[in-house]
Amino acid sequence: MTTFSHISVQDVANFDGDVAIVDIRDPQSYANGHMPNASPLNNDNFSAFVENTPKDTPVVVVCYHGISSQQAAQVIAQQGFAEVYSMDGGFEAWRANQSVVTE
């Protein structure tokens, strides 16, 4: 069974190479602040993400605190992606130590 791994904020910040960072928080929270290069992911664009993202691209799933991202990461892993991560601590942990982009 395909599954996901946990990844730390620091490891995401230091990630070398292509990575798809998907933010599953609500649109208002995303607009108020998100990780650089993160894309919002929700039910409306999920199938497009699966179709348009190469399956060998590592995917990092981000939520508020690293809880709901685990379930989402599992679903994404089941779509055939080779590397899927749930970021421990979520966006709140990222915001405490890293730069944030607002719209």
Protein backbone atom coordinates (compact mmCIF):
# COMPACT_ATOMS: atom_id res chain seq x y z
CA MET A 1 0.00 0.00 0.00
CA THR A 2 1.29 3.41 -0.94
CA THR A 3 1.73 5.73 1.99
CA PHE A 4 3.22 9.08 2.94
CA SER A 5 6.11 10.21 5.14
CA HIS A 6 6.44 12.97 7.69
CA ILE A 7 8.75 15.90 6.95
CA SER A 8 9.95 18.74 9.17
CA VAL A 9 9.61 22.45 8.42
CA GLN A 10 13.39 22.67 8.20
CA ASP A 11 13.59 19.81 5.70
CA VAL A 12 10.95 21.48 3.53
CA ALA A 13 12.82 24.80 3.73
CA ASN A 14 16.01 23.04 2.64
CA PHE A 15 14.38 20.87 -0.04
CA ASP A 16 16.64 20.58 -3.08
CA GLY A 17 15.02 20.25 -6.47
CA ASP A 18 11.44 20.28 -7.68
CA VAL A 19 8.72 19.93 -5.11
CA ALA A 20 4.98 20.56 -5.20
CA ILE A 21 3.82 22.24 -1.99
CA VAL A 22 0.05 22.05 -1.62
CA ASP A 23 -1.85 24.02 1.02
CA ILE A 24 -5.17 22.44 2.01
CA ARG A 25 -6.28 25.22 4.37
CA ASP A 26 -9.35 27.30 3.54
CA PRO A 27 -8.99 29.98 0.81
CA GLN A 28 -9.15 32.90 3.25
CA SER A 29 -6.34 31.49 5.37
CA TYR A 30 -4.27 30.86 2.25
CA ALA A 31 -4.83 34.45 1.05
CA ASN A 32 -3.84 35.81 4.46
CA GLY A 33 -0.50 34.02 4.31
CA HIS A 34 1.09 30.93 2.81
CA MET A 35 4.44 29.33 2.12
CA PRO A 36 6.44 30.59 -0.87
CA ASN A 37 5.68 28.42 -3.94
CA ALA A 38 2.70 26.79 -2.22
CA SER A 39 -0.46 26.21 -4.23
CA PRO A 40 -3.94 25.93 -2.74
CA LEU A 41 -5.42 22.45 -3.07
CA ASN A 42 -9.10 21.69 -2.50
CA ASN A 43 -11.88 19.52 -3.84
CA ASP A 44 -12.37 21.86 -6.81
CA ASN A 45 -8.84 21.53 -8.20
CA PHE A 46 -7.77 18.15 -6.84
CA SER A 47 -8.35 16.17 -10.03
CA ALA A 48 -6.51 18.81 -12.10
CA PHE A 49 -3.58 18.64 -9.68
CA VAL A 50 -3.42 14.84 -9.99
CA GLU A 51 -3.62 15.01 -13.79
CA ASN A 52 -1.12 17.85 -14.26
CA THR A 53 1.55 17.00 -11.70
CA PRO A 54 4.21 14.44 -12.68
CA LYS A 55 3.98 11.40 -10.42
CA ASP A 56 7.70 11.56 -9.68
CA THR A 57 7.42 15.11 -8.27
CA PRO A 58 7.68 15.09 -4.48
CA VAL A 59 4.50 16.48 -2.90
CA VAL A 60 4.42 18.24 0.48
CA VAL A 61 0.97 18.66 2.03
CA VAL A 62 0.45 21.57 4.43
CA CYS A 63 -2.52 22.26 6.69
CA TYR A 64 -2.91 24.33 9.86
CA HIS A 65 -1.08 22.15 12.39
CA GLY A 66 -0.03 18.99 10.57
CA ILE A 67 -3.07 16.88 11.45
CA SER A 68 -5.48 16.95 8.49
CA SER A 69 -2.53 17.03 6.08
CA GLN A 70 -1.82 13.42 7.03
CA GLN A 71 -5.15 12.23 5.66
CA ALA A 72 -4.76 14.36 2.53
CA ALA A 73 -1.22 13.06 2.01
CA GLN A 74 -2.53 9.51 2.19
CA VAL A 75 -5.15 10.27 -0.48
CA ILE A 76 -2.53 11.89 -2.73
CA ALA A 77 -0.15 8.94 -2.25
CA GLN A 78 -2.93 6.62 -3.37
CA GLN A 79 -3.10 8.55 -6.67
CA GLY A 80 0.28 7.11 -7.63
CA PHE A 81 2.72 9.79 -6.47
CA ALA A 82 6.11 8.35 -5.56
CA GLU A 83 7.00 10.75 -2.72
CA VAL A 84 4.33 12.36 -0.54
CA TYR A 85 4.97 14.16 2.73
CA SER A 86 2.84 15.64 5.49
CA MET A 87 4.65 18.63 6.99
CA ASP A 88 4.83 18.27 10.77
CA GLY A 89 3.43 21.26 12.63
CA GLY A 90 1.68 22.59 9.53
CA PHE A 91 1.63 26.20 8.40
CA GLU A 92 1.68 27.49 11.97
CA ALA A 93 5.06 25.84 12.53
CA TRP A 94 6.32 27.20 9.21
CA ARG A 95 5.17 30.75 10.03
CA ALA A 96 7.08 30.65 13.33
CA ASN A 97 10.43 30.09 11.58
CA GLN A 98 10.18 30.86 7.85
CA SER A 99 9.02 33.52 5.43
CA VAL A 100 5.36 33.86 4.50
CA VAL A 101 3.77 35.22 1.33
CA THR A 102 0.53 37.20 1.43
CA GLU A 103 -1.71 38.09 -1.49
